[in-house]
Protein backbone atom coordinates (compact mmCIF):
# COMPACT_ATOMS: atom_id res chain seq x y z
CA UNK A 1 49.61 61.71 86.79
CA UNK A 2 47.40 60.04 89.78
CA UNK A 3 49.61 61.52 92.60
CA UNK A 4 49.43 65.09 90.93
CA UNK A 5 45.59 64.74 90.39
CA UNK A 6 45.23 63.53 94.11
CA UNK A 7 46.86 66.76 95.19
CA UNK A 8 44.74 68.89 92.88
CA UNK A 9 41.64 67.37 94.16
CA UNK A 10 42.46 68.04 97.83
CA UNK A 11 43.44 71.57 97.05
CA UNK A 12 40.04 72.07 95.03
CA UNK A 13 38.20 70.73 97.98
CA UNK A 14 40.05 72.79 100.38
CA UNK A 15 38.30 75.72 98.66
CA UNK A 16 34.96 74.06 97.98
CA UNK A 17 32.90 71.72 100.53
CA UNK A 18 32.89 68.33 99.27
CA UNK A 19 29.94 67.20 101.09
CA UNK A 20 27.49 68.50 98.67
CA UNK A 21 24.31 66.45 98.08
CA UNK A 22 24.71 67.33 94.25
CA UNK A 23 28.08 66.22 93.85
CA UNK A 24 27.56 62.95 95.40
CA UNK A 25 24.60 62.15 93.52
CA UNK A 26 26.53 63.11 90.45
CA UNK A 27 29.19 60.69 91.31
CA UNK A 28 26.66 57.80 92.05
CA UNK A 29 24.56 58.16 88.70
CA UNK A 30 27.69 58.75 86.43
CA UNK A 31 29.59 55.66 87.91
CA UNK A 32 26.40 53.53 87.36
CA UNK A 33 25.87 55.08 83.78
CA UNK A 34 29.41 54.07 82.54
CA UNK A 35 29.29 50.83 83.92
CA UNK A 36 25.91 50.23 82.22
CA UNK A 37 27.43 51.81 79.03
CA UNK A 38 29.74 48.68 78.94
CA UNK A 39 26.60 46.22 78.22
CA UNK A 40 26.26 47.88 74.66
CA UNK A 41 29.09 45.87 72.99
CA UNK A 42 27.91 42.72 74.52
CA UNK A 43 24.51 43.31 73.42
CA UNK A 44 25.66 44.11 69.91
CA UNK A 45 27.72 41.04 69.83
CA UNK A 46 25.00 38.92 71.20
CA UNK A 47 22.56 40.34 68.54
CA UNK A 48 24.95 39.44 65.46
CA UNK A 49 25.62 35.99 66.97
CA UNK A 50 21.93 35.16 67.34
CA UNK A 51 20.73 36.52 63.79
CA UNK A 52 23.88 34.49 62.46
CA UNK A 53 22.15 31.63 64.07
CA UNK A 54 18.77 32.32 63.03
CA UNK A 55 17.68 32.63 66.77
CA UNK A 56 15.61 35.74 66.01
CA UNK A 57 13.35 35.62 69.04
CA UNK A 58 16.52 36.00 71.37
CA UNK A 59 17.87 38.62 69.00
CA UNK A 60 14.84 40.68 69.46
CA UNK A 61 15.36 40.42 73.59
CA UNK A 62 18.90 41.73 73.12
CA UNK A 63 17.79 44.52 70.73
CA UNK A 64 15.17 45.48 73.37
CA UNK A 65 17.76 45.41 76.08
CA UNK A 66 19.98 47.45 73.85
CA UNK A 67 17.21 50.19 73.36
CA UNK A 68 16.86 50.31 77.22
CA UNK A 69 20.34 50.86 77.83
CA UNK A 70 20.33 53.62 75.36
CA UNK A 71 17.56 54.99 77.03
CA UNK A 72 19.15 54.66 80.67
CA UNK A 73 22.28 56.24 79.53
CA UNK A 74 20.76 59.37 77.87
CA UNK A 75 18.59 59.92 81.11
CA UNK A 76 21.59 59.46 83.28
CA UNK A 77 23.67 61.70 81.37
CA UNK A 78 20.96 64.46 81.65
CA UNK A 79 20.59 63.63 85.66
CA UNK A 80 24.55 63.95 85.92
CA UNK A 81 24.48 67.37 83.92
CA UNK A 82 21.63 68.63 86.23
CA UNK A 83 23.12 67.69 89.20
CA UNK A 84 26.79 69.02 88.40
CA UNK A 85 25.10 72.24 87.36
CA UNK A 86 23.49 72.55 90.59
CA UNK A 87 26.78 71.63 92.49
CA UNK A 88 28.85 74.47 90.74
CA UNK A 89 26.21 77.34 90.94
CA UNK A 90 27.05 76.95 94.55
CA UNK A 91 30.72 76.25 94.28
CA UNK A 92 31.10 79.41 92.08
CA UNK A 93 29.60 81.80 94.73
CA UNK A 94 31.65 80.01 97.60
CA UNK A 95 34.98 80.54 95.80
CA UNK A 96 34.17 84.02 94.53
CA UNK A 97 33.38 84.81 98.26
CA UNK A 98 36.47 83.46 99.52
CA UNK A 99 38.58 85.48 96.83
CA UNK A 100 37.06 88.79 97.47
CA UNK A 101 37.10 88.31 101.32
CA UNK A 102 40.57 87.61 101.17
CA UNK A 103 41.11 90.77 98.77
CA UNK A 104 39.97 92.80 101.96
CA UNK A 105 42.84 91.55 103.99
CA UNK A 106 45.35 92.64 101.34
CA UNK A 107 48.24 95.05 102.66
CA UNK A 108 49.35 97.98 100.82
CA UNK A 109 52.39 95.97 98.92
CA UNK A 110 49.98 93.45 97.34
CA UNK A 111 50.40 94.88 93.76
CA UNK A 112 54.01 94.17 94.01
CA UNK A 113 53.32 90.65 94.36
CA UNK A 114 49.87 90.00 92.91
CA UNK A 115 49.56 91.97 89.44
CA UNK A 116 46.09 93.69 89.19
CA UNK A 117 45.41 91.82 85.69
CA UNK A 118 45.71 88.70 87.75
CA UNK A 119 43.35 89.54 90.32
CA UNK A 120 40.82 90.65 87.76
CA UNK A 121 41.18 87.62 85.56
CA UNK A 122 41.10 85.42 88.48
CA UNK A 123 37.82 86.95 89.80
CA UNK A 124 35.95 85.95 86.69
CA UNK A 125 37.97 83.77 84.17
CA UNK A 126 39.77 81.49 86.53
CA UNK A 127 36.76 80.94 88.58
CA UNK A 128 34.81 79.70 85.62
CA UNK A 129 37.90 77.75 84.35
CA UNK A 130 37.93 75.53 87.55
CA UNK A 131 34.11 74.79 87.28
CA UNK A 132 34.97 71.26 85.79
CA UNK A 133 37.72 70.19 88.00
CA UNK A 134 35.50 67.91 90.19
CA UNK A 135 33.68 66.55 87.31
CA UNK A 136 36.95 65.60 85.16
CA UNK A 137 38.72 64.37 88.20
CA UNK A 138 35.63 62.01 88.85
CA UNK A 139 35.11 61.40 84.97
CA UNK A 140 38.80 60.22 84.91
CA UNK A 141 38.24 57.99 87.86
CA UNK A 142 35.26 56.59 86.32
CA UNK A 143 37.16 55.83 83.19
CA UNK A 144 40.06 54.31 84.88
CA UNK A 145 37.26 51.85 86.63
CA UNK A 146 35.80 51.20 83.21
CA UNK A 147 39.24 50.38 81.77
CA UNK A 148 40.10 48.03 84.36
CA UNK A 149 36.80 46.33 83.49
CA UNK A 150 37.51 46.10 79.95
CA UNK A 151 41.21 44.79 80.36
CA UNK A 152 39.57 42.19 82.74
CA UNK A 153 37.24 40.99 79.99
CA UNK A 154 40.28 40.90 77.37
CA UNK A 155 42.07 38.54 80.01
CA UNK A 156 39.14 36.19 80.39
CA UNK A 157 39.10 35.98 76.41
CA UNK A 158 42.48 35.94 75.60
CA UNK A 159 45.76 36.57 77.67
CA UNK A 160 47.68 37.39 74.56
CA UNK A 161 45.07 39.79 73.10
CA UNK A 162 45.02 41.54 76.60
CA UNK A 163 48.72 42.01 77.06
CA UNK A 164 48.99 43.42 73.36
CA UNK A 165 46.23 45.97 74.06
CA UNK A 166 47.58 46.77 77.39
CA UNK A 167 51.01 47.38 75.83
CA UNK A 168 49.66 49.67 73.14
CA UNK A 169 47.63 51.75 75.56
CA UNK A 170 50.73 52.45 77.73
CA UNK A 171 52.84 53.45 74.72
CA UNK A 172 50.14 55.98 73.87
CA UNK A 173 49.79 57.04 77.36
CA UNK A 174 53.53 57.65 77.90
CA UNK A 175 53.76 59.76 74.70
CA UNK A 176 50.36 61.81 75.10
CA UNK A 177 51.53 62.70 78.98
CA UNK A 178 54.50 64.27 77.59
CA UNK A 179 52.37 66.38 75.39
CA UNK A 180 50.13 66.98 78.06
CA UNK A 181 52.80 68.27 80.47
CA UNK A 182 54.20 70.73 77.77
CA UNK A 183 50.55 71.83 76.75
CA UNK A 184 50.30 73.08 80.57
CA UNK A 185 53.58 74.71 80.81
CA UNK A 186 52.87 76.82 77.89
CA UNK A 187 49.52 77.56 79.22
CA UNK A 188 51.03 78.90 82.31
CA UNK A 189 53.07 81.15 80.26
CA UNK A 190 50.12 82.27 78.19
CA UNK A 191 47.93 83.22 81.17
CA UNK A 192 51.02 85.43 82.61
CA UNK A 193 51.07 87.65 79.43
CA UNK A 194 47.24 87.65 79.31
CA UNK A 195 47.61 89.17 83.23
CA UNK A 196 50.06 91.65 81.75
CA UNK A 197 47.68 92.64 78.92
CA UNK A 198 44.73 93.02 81.22
CA UNK A 199 46.76 95.00 83.45
CA UNK A 200 47.98 97.29 81.25
CA UNK A 201 44.56 98.20 79.68
CA UNK A 202 43.29 98.80 83.19
CA UNK A 203 45.93 101.32 83.71
CA UNK A 204 45.49 102.69 80.19
CA UNK A 205 41.60 103.09 81.30
CA UNK A 206 42.48 104.73 84.61
CA UNK A 207 44.90 107.17 82.79
CA UNK A 208 43.12 107.66 79.61
CA UNK A 209 43.16 111.61 80.01
CA UNK A 210 46.99 111.39 80.45
CA UNK A 211 47.29 109.08 77.41
CA UNK A 212 45.55 111.27 75.42
CA UNK A 213 47.23 114.69 76.60
CA UNK A 214 50.65 113.01 76.33
CA UNK A 215 50.11 111.45 72.93
CA UNK A 216 51.56 108.19 74.38
CA UNK A 217 49.18 105.70 72.83
CA UNK A 218 51.59 104.22 70.28
CA UNK A 219 54.18 103.94 73.02
CA UNK A 220 51.94 102.01 75.26
CA UNK A 221 50.64 99.88 72.03
CA UNK A 222 54.19 99.02 71.49
CA UNK A 223 54.65 97.81 75.06
CA UNK A 224 51.22 95.94 74.71
CA UNK A 225 52.76 94.42 71.41
CA UNK A 226 55.72 92.72 73.25
CA UNK A 227 53.06 91.13 75.48
CA UNK A 228 50.86 90.14 72.81
CA UNK A 229 53.83 88.53 70.73
CA UNK A 230 54.71 86.53 73.77
CA UNK A 231 51.25 85.43 74.13
CA UNK A 232 51.08 84.57 70.46
CA UNK A 233 54.16 82.14 71.33
CA UNK A 234 52.84 80.58 74.13
CA UNK A 235 49.57 79.91 72.56
CA UNK A 236 50.96 78.43 69.26
CA UNK A 237 53.15 76.05 71.10
CA UNK A 238 50.63 74.91 73.82
CA UNK A 239 47.97 74.17 70.79
CA UNK A 240 50.94 72.39 69.00
CA UNK A 241 51.34 70.04 71.66
CA UNK A 242 47.64 69.41 72.06
CA UNK A 243 47.11 68.83 68.49
CA UNK A 244 50.40 66.54 68.57
CA UNK A 245 48.47 64.47 71.02
CA UNK A 246 45.37 64.39 69.11
CA UNK A 247 46.68 63.50 65.60
CA UNK A 248 50.38 62.11 65.61
CA UNK A 249 50.42 60.44 68.96
CA UNK A 250 46.74 59.17 68.64
CA UNK A 251 47.91 57.22 65.51
CA UNK A 252 49.51 54.80 67.88
CA UNK A 253 45.88 53.69 68.93
CA UNK A 254 44.74 53.48 65.34
CA UNK A 255 47.62 51.41 63.97
CA UNK A 256 47.62 49.23 67.11
CA UNK A 257 43.72 48.23 65.99
CA UNK A 258 44.88 47.47 62.41
CA UNK A 259 47.42 44.93 63.81
CA UNK A 260 44.65 43.60 66.33
CA UNK A 261 42.65 42.91 63.57
CA UNK A 262 45.30 40.60 62.05
CA UNK A 263 45.38 38.79 65.22
CA UNK A 264 42.11 38.47 65.66
CA UNK A 265 41.35 37.07 62.38
CA UNK A 266 44.35 34.56 62.86
CA UNK A 267 42.63 33.50 66.28
CA UNK A 268 39.26 33.18 64.32
CA UNK A 269 40.76 31.09 61.61
CA UNK A 270 42.44 28.81 64.01
CA UNK A 271 39.24 28.34 65.89
CA UNK A 272 40.52 29.97 69.16
CA UNK A 273 37.51 32.21 69.35
CA UNK A 274 33.96 32.66 68.08
CA UNK A 275 32.59 35.52 65.84
CA UNK A 276 30.95 36.93 68.75
CA UNK A 277 33.80 37.14 70.79
CA UNK A 278 35.65 38.70 67.84
CA UNK A 279 33.14 41.62 67.51
CA UNK A 280 33.13 41.69 71.19
CA UNK A 281 36.80 42.22 71.66
CA UNK A 282 36.97 44.59 68.67
CA UNK A 283 34.21 46.80 70.38
CA UNK A 284 35.98 46.66 73.51
CA UNK A 285 39.23 47.78 71.99
CA UNK A 286 37.50 50.78 70.69
CA UNK A 287 35.84 51.10 74.16
CA UNK A 288 39.55 51.17 75.52
CA UNK A 289 40.59 53.71 72.70
CA UNK A 290 37.83 56.00 74.20
CA UNK A 291 38.45 55.81 77.62
CA UNK A 292 42.09 56.22 77.35
CA UNK A 293 41.42 59.25 75.20
CA UNK A 294 39.21 60.51 77.61
CA UNK A 295 41.52 59.80 80.32
CA UNK A 296 44.20 61.89 78.70
CA UNK A 297 41.83 64.60 77.58
CA UNK A 298 40.44 64.68 81.33
CA UNK A 299 43.80 64.78 82.63
CA UNK A 300 45.01 67.71 80.19
CA UNK A 301 42.08 69.74 80.99
CA UNK A 302 42.79 69.09 84.77
CA UNK A 303 46.19 70.18 84.43
CA UNK A 304 44.92 73.30 82.44
CA UNK A 305 42.28 74.22 84.99
CA UNK A 306 44.68 73.46 87.98
CA UNK A 307 46.45 76.45 86.57
CA UNK A 308 43.51 78.46 87.33
CA UNK A 309 43.03 76.95 90.59
CA UNK A 310 46.55 77.41 91.89
CA UNK A 311 46.25 81.22 90.66
CA UNK A 312 43.24 81.77 92.80
CA UNK A 313 44.90 79.97 95.74
CA UNK A 314 47.80 82.29 95.45
CA UNK A 315 45.61 85.35 95.81
CA UNK A 316 43.44 83.75 98.58
CA UNK A 317 46.46 82.55 100.61
CA UNK A 318 48.29 86.04 100.03
CA UNK A 319 45.13 87.77 101.74
CA UNK A 320 44.87 85.08 104.50
CA UNK A 321 48.56 85.62 105.28
CA UNK A 322 48.54 89.29 105.28
CA UNK A 323 48.79 91.06 108.38
CA UNK A 324 45.74 90.34 110.02
CA UNK A 325 45.07 91.70 113.55
CA UNK A 326 42.12 90.94 115.58
CA UNK A 327 42.52 91.56 119.53
CA UNK A 328 40.34 90.35 122.22
CA UNK A 329 39.00 93.72 123.34
CA UNK A 330 35.72 94.20 122.06
CA UNK A 331 34.91 97.53 124.27
CA UNK A 332 33.56 99.97 121.74
CA UNK A 333 33.14 102.73 124.05
CA UNK A 334 36.41 104.78 122.86
CA UNK A 335 36.74 108.53 123.06
CA UNK A 336 39.27 108.77 120.62
CA UNK A 337 42.73 109.86 122.31
CA UNK A 338 45.47 108.75 119.89
CA UNK A 339 49.27 108.51 121.37
CA UNK A 340 52.30 107.46 119.40
CA UNK A 341 54.93 106.24 121.74
CA UNK A 342 58.53 106.06 120.51
CA UNK A 343 57.31 104.39 117.26
CA UNK A 344 60.09 103.43 114.75
CA UNK A 345 59.36 101.51 111.49
CA UNK A 346 61.39 100.30 108.34
CA UNK A 347 60.21 99.60 105.09
CA UNK A 348 62.42 97.00 103.12
CA UNK A 349 65.02 97.57 105.82
CA UNK A 350 65.15 101.49 105.17
CA UNK A 351 64.19 103.55 108.46
CA UNK A 352 60.97 105.58 107.69
CA UNK A 353 60.16 106.62 111.09
CA UNK A 354 62.48 107.09 114.01
CA UNK A 355 61.35 107.26 117.41
CA UNK A 356 57.99 109.38 116.77
CA UNK A 357 55.95 110.52 119.85
CA UNK A 358 52.92 112.71 119.83
CA UNK A 359 49.41 112.99 121.21
CA UNK A 360 46.21 113.69 119.15
CA UNK A 361 43.42 114.94 121.41
CA UNK A 362 39.64 114.39 120.95
CA UNK A 363 37.79 117.62 119.74
CA UNK A 364 41.17 119.00 117.99
CA UNK A 365 42.67 119.06 114.65
CA UNK A 366 45.91 117.51 114.54
CA UNK A 367 47.87 118.39 111.41
CA UNK A 368 50.93 116.42 110.27
CA UNK A 369 52.93 118.10 107.46
CA UNK A 370 56.47 117.63 105.88
CA UNK A 371 58.18 117.06 102.63
CA UNK A 372 57.28 114.18 100.55
CA UNK A 373 58.78 110.98 101.82
CA UNK A 374 58.90 112.58 105.38
CA UNK A 375 56.81 109.56 106.95
CA UNK A 376 53.33 111.07 106.88
CA UNK A 377 51.50 108.49 104.91
CA UNK A 378 53.32 105.85 106.88
CA UNK A 379 51.83 107.25 110.10
CA UNK A 380 48.54 106.86 108.37
CA UNK A 381 49.28 103.23 107.46
CA UNK A 382 50.31 102.43 110.73
CA UNK A 383 47.00 103.94 112.46
CA UNK A 384 44.95 101.81 109.97
CA UNK A 385 46.86 98.61 111.05
CA UNK A 386 48.27 97.99 107.53
CA UNK A 387 51.73 97.20 109.33
CA UNK A 388 52.91 96.50 112.53
CA UNK A 389 55.46 99.04 114.25
CA UNK A 390 59.04 97.72 114.76
CA UNK A 391 59.10 99.20 118.18
CA UNK A 392 57.19 101.61 120.22
CA UNK A 393 53.30 101.40 120.67
CA UNK A 394 50.53 102.93 119.40
CA UNK A 395 47.60 103.73 121.83
CA UNK A 396 43.96 104.61 121.45
CA UNK A 397 42.50 105.50 125.01
CA UNK A 398 45.68 104.43 126.45
CA UNK A 399 45.38 100.58 125.09
CA UNK A 400 47.54 99.36 122.30
CA UNK A 401 45.86 99.35 118.77
CA UNK A 402 46.65 95.76 118.06
CA UNK A 403 44.62 94.59 121.16
CA UNK A 404 41.20 96.03 119.95
CA UNK A 405 38.87 93.45 117.82
CA UNK A 406 38.99 93.98 114.13
CA UNK A 407 35.27 94.95 114.27
CA UNK A 408 35.49 97.33 117.12
CA UNK A 409 38.91 98.98 115.49
CA UNK A 410 37.47 99.37 112.21
CA UNK A 411 34.22 101.02 113.54
CA UNK A 412 36.30 103.55 115.43
CA UNK A 413 38.64 104.81 112.90
CA UNK A 414 38.21 105.88 109.19
CA UNK A 415 39.87 107.55 106.55
CA UNK A 416 39.09 109.90 103.89
CA UNK A 417 41.66 110.26 100.91
CA UNK A 418 42.90 112.76 98.75
CA UNK A 419 41.75 110.20 95.76
CA UNK A 420 38.72 108.98 97.35
CA UNK A 421 36.57 106.32 95.36
CA UNK A 422 32.79 106.43 95.02
CA UNK A 423 31.24 103.31 93.50
CA UNK A 424 29.18 103.08 90.10
CA UNK A 425 25.85 103.24 91.81
CA UNK A 426 23.48 105.53 93.35
CA UNK A 427 24.44 108.14 95.99
CA UNK A 428 21.91 106.45 98.25
CA UNK A 429 23.39 103.25 97.68
CA UNK A 430 27.09 104.03 98.32
CA UNK A 431 26.23 105.87 101.57
CA UNK A 432 24.13 102.70 102.50
CA UNK A 433 27.30 100.46 102.10
CA UNK A 434 28.11 102.36 105.55
CA UNK A 435 24.38 102.93 106.83
CA UNK A 436 21.24 102.41 105.32
CA UNK A 437 19.35 104.48 107.53
CA UNK A 438 18.00 107.43 105.28
CA UNK A 439 17.50 110.01 107.84
CA UNK A 440 21.03 109.59 109.20
CA UNK A 441 22.20 109.91 105.47
CA UNK A 442 20.44 112.99 105.14
CA UNK A 443 21.97 114.23 108.53
CA UNK A 444 25.38 113.36 107.29
CA UNK A 445 25.12 115.25 103.94
CA UNK A 446 23.46 118.15 105.53
CA UNK A 447 26.36 118.42 107.87
CA UNK A 448 29.16 118.50 105.30
CA UNK A 449 26.99 120.92 103.11
CA UNK A 450 26.22 118.53 100.09
CA UNK A 451 22.52 117.88 100.76
CA UNK A 452 21.16 120.99 98.81
CA UNK A 453 23.36 120.07 95.90
CA UNK A 454 22.17 116.07 95.81
CA UNK A 455 18.64 117.41 96.01
CA UNK A 456 19.07 119.62 93.18
CA UNK A 457 19.92 116.73 91.14
CA UNK A 458 16.98 115.30 88.75
CA UNK A 459 17.04 111.96 90.78
CA UNK A 460 18.38 113.31 94.24
CA UNK A 461 19.87 110.47 96.26
CA UNK A 462 19.06 107.97 93.60
CA UNK A 463 21.36 109.68 91.01
CA UNK A 464 23.67 107.22 89.61
CA UNK A 465 27.19 107.96 90.04
CA UNK A 466 29.54 107.17 87.06
CA UNK A 467 32.45 104.90 87.48
CA UNK A 468 34.67 106.86 90.42
CA UNK A 469 31.95 109.82 90.15
CA UNK A 470 33.22 111.32 87.27
CA UNK A 471 29.76 113.15 86.61
CA UNK A 472 30.31 115.33 89.85
CA UNK A 473 33.18 117.92 90.62
CA UNK A 474 36.03 116.98 92.70
CA UNK A 475 34.99 118.89 95.85
CA UNK A 476 31.48 117.60 95.67
CA UNK A 477 33.11 114.02 95.42
CA UNK A 478 35.18 114.88 98.60
CA UNK A 479 32.13 116.20 100.65
CA UNK A 480 30.43 112.94 99.65
CA UNK A 481 33.31 111.04 100.92
CA UNK A 482 33.24 113.09 104.38
CA UNK A 483 29.37 112.31 105.01
CA UNK A 484 30.17 108.66 104.10
CA UNK A 485 32.84 108.84 106.75
CA UNK A 486 30.38 110.44 109.20
CA UNK A 487 28.09 107.65 108.56
CA UNK A 488 30.80 105.25 109.98
CA UNK A 489 30.23 106.53 113.61
CA UNK A 490 33.99 106.59 113.78
CA UNK A 491 35.77 108.68 116.62
CA UNK A 492 38.83 109.07 114.91
CA UNK A 493 38.80 110.32 111.17
CA UNK A 494 42.28 110.46 109.32
CA UNK A 495 41.99 112.94 106.12
CA UNK A 496 44.88 112.53 103.71
CA UNK A 497 45.20 115.68 101.64
CA UNK A 498 41.61 116.19 101.55
CA UNK A 499 41.72 119.72 100.17
CA UNK A 500 44.56 118.99 97.36
CA UNK A 501 43.32 119.50 93.93
CA UNK A 502 40.38 121.61 94.99
CA UNK A 503 39.51 125.07 94.05
CA UNK A 504 40.15 127.65 96.79
CA UNK A 505 36.42 128.21 97.69
CA UNK A 506 35.60 124.56 98.00
CA UNK A 507 38.96 124.04 99.92
CA UNK A 508 37.89 126.82 102.52
CA UNK A 509 34.60 124.94 102.89
CA UNK A 510 36.25 121.86 103.82
CA UNK A 511 38.72 123.61 106.15
CA UNK A 512 35.78 125.47 107.91
CA UNK A 513 33.87 122.00 107.89
CA UNK A 514 36.52 120.51 110.18
CA UNK A 515 35.92 123.01 112.89
CA UNK A 516 32.46 121.54 113.20
CA UNK A 517 33.69 117.75 112.79
CA UNK A 518 36.08 118.24 115.59
CA UNK A 519 33.29 118.89 118.18
CA UNK A 520 32.71 114.99 118.16
CA UNK A 521 35.83 113.52 116.68
CA UNK A 522 39.60 113.35 116.65
CA UNK A 523 40.75 114.62 113.31
CA UNK A 524 44.24 114.03 112.13
CA UNK A 525 45.10 115.62 108.75
CA UNK A 526 47.91 115.47 106.49
CA UNK A 527 48.21 118.46 104.34
CA UNK A 528 50.03 121.07 102.51
CA UNK A 529 47.39 123.52 102.59
CA UNK A 530 48.50 126.43 104.55
CA UNK A 531 45.16 127.79 105.56
CA UNK A 532 44.63 124.48 107.02
CA UNK A 533 47.69 124.59 108.76
CA UNK A 534 46.80 127.95 110.16
CA UNK A 535 43.75 126.51 111.94
CA UNK A 536 45.19 123.13 113.15
CA UNK A 537 45.06 122.97 117.10
CA UNK A 538 48.29 121.11 116.83
CA UNK A 539 51.05 120.99 113.99
CA UNK A 540 53.34 118.30 113.88
CA UNK A 541 56.20 118.92 111.48
CA UNK A 542 58.04 115.83 110.32
CA UNK A 543 61.46 115.90 108.84
CA UNK A 544 63.41 112.67 107.43
CA UNK A 545 61.18 110.34 109.56
CA UNK A 546 61.71 112.49 112.63
CA UNK A 547 59.56 114.97 114.59
CA UNK A 548 61.31 118.38 113.98
CA UNK A 549 58.87 120.40 116.11
CA UNK A 550 55.25 120.42 117.59
CA UNK A 551 53.18 123.51 118.14
CA UNK A 552 50.79 126.17 116.42
CA UNK A 553 51.22 127.88 113.14
CA UNK A 554 52.00 131.18 114.67
CA UNK A 555 54.67 129.99 117.03
CA UNK A 556 56.35 127.78 114.61
CA UNK A 557 56.44 130.21 111.54
CA UNK A 558 58.26 132.57 114.03
CA UNK A 559 60.85 130.21 115.67
CA UNK A 560 61.33 127.12 113.36
CA UNK A 561 63.53 127.30 110.35
CA UNK A 562 62.42 123.79 108.62
CA UNK A 563 58.70 124.97 109.29
CA UNK A 564 59.27 128.26 107.67
CA UNK A 565 61.09 126.38 104.62
CA UNK A 566 58.08 124.32 104.22
CA UNK A 567 55.90 127.24 104.23
CA UNK A 568 57.81 128.79 101.55
CA UNK A 569 57.78 125.67 99.41
CA UNK A 570 54.02 125.29 99.68
CA UNK A 571 53.82 128.71 98.45
CA UNK A 572 55.10 127.60 95.21
């Protein structure tokens, strides 16, 4: 127990700063408060002894001292709770910030290793769950000190009784610890199925239209039922070991007290102890029972909360150990010349890109086309530094992309995806995440052609977007995303199937917009849109991870068989 809790303490304070004035005050006040509480049995026994001996004045003194002790305890308890609440309100923000910052470093593979349900649950429930870890560890330590003081009192009064009490407590501790270990084991299993249920519910909400249109709600519910059943089993077994400790195992202490009464009465009959000592030791036995019960309660709670701690740690460590690139070049004077030189890349040992070389020039639209699985998205992921190349180089302005600092690189390359995401906040707030300058926001929106639409809305730029902007059309959302990309001041913009799923008029509007955007950007586009392919300054045709050909639409449609086949596929 002690070794495990020391490790948990170290792991907790690796996340949260220990040198917090409120936490230090909590420790000092709580230790004093607990030790003072040990005076209560002493004062009670002295009151009974003095009343028995008709020493009433002395009895009143001890009654007064008892009252002062109770008052001190209550004020001390208020102060400890006040201090701890102030500590945790800061600790919560600290841990939540660490967790979210680590998520920003996630690679494309995170969902395979950390379920989304786990991330969602950890970002709220787990952080709340670890709230009391320092409190319970400190309380447990103080209870151990208190228990040692009680044992010392027993030893001073009767070694025989002291040995008996310690043996009873050790028997109880041994059985209680086994129950605690089982309790924690099944809690971990319960949390796994909680994550699965949350993750499935998140997917149902995301794909609600498909769920309704295909009528698959019942089948999804059957899947959820399998998770719910396992959650039920884990929950029941967890609770079983909890109430076994609280009832059947707790009986060890209670039966021990009965036997203690026999021992104490015999000692009293033989004149080995006085009535005051009898009352004191019986009271201290109850105190010892309270302490060891508290120790076991604190221990099981620490173990339960450590499940949440290590879930949070797993997420933070994943983000911290993900591919993090922060080079030494801080020069932000980037033109936007992009070059891939003999780039090869494998995913799960499977070759995806094979010796790819091409150049994307500033003020041009470079379009990458190919069948699904040909490597188009992988090129974008490499350009975004989501992965490192296995061989070859990717250069921007003739410098290796991994040499740029994180801030410089991220500020000079941005992406607009096919399924772009707009946050559940106002249009103004969405744009302000990139640049809070209202004048530049309006200029960007005018440039992409969405300003007039925004001004036609009742609240204009203050219009609140529903989650993922479901209250505007797909084309309007795409234009808003382009405006957001312009606000980044990126020299290089990657556009991934930005015309897919749009009506022809909106798609043509975006295609025409690219001609304007290329005047001050390097545009690299992945697309299946034939109209966009026709206006591209350069077409790069991928086939099976290799470059099949490079050129313009007119020449490739005449001379390249694979490009002709792609056009025929795109027609369908």
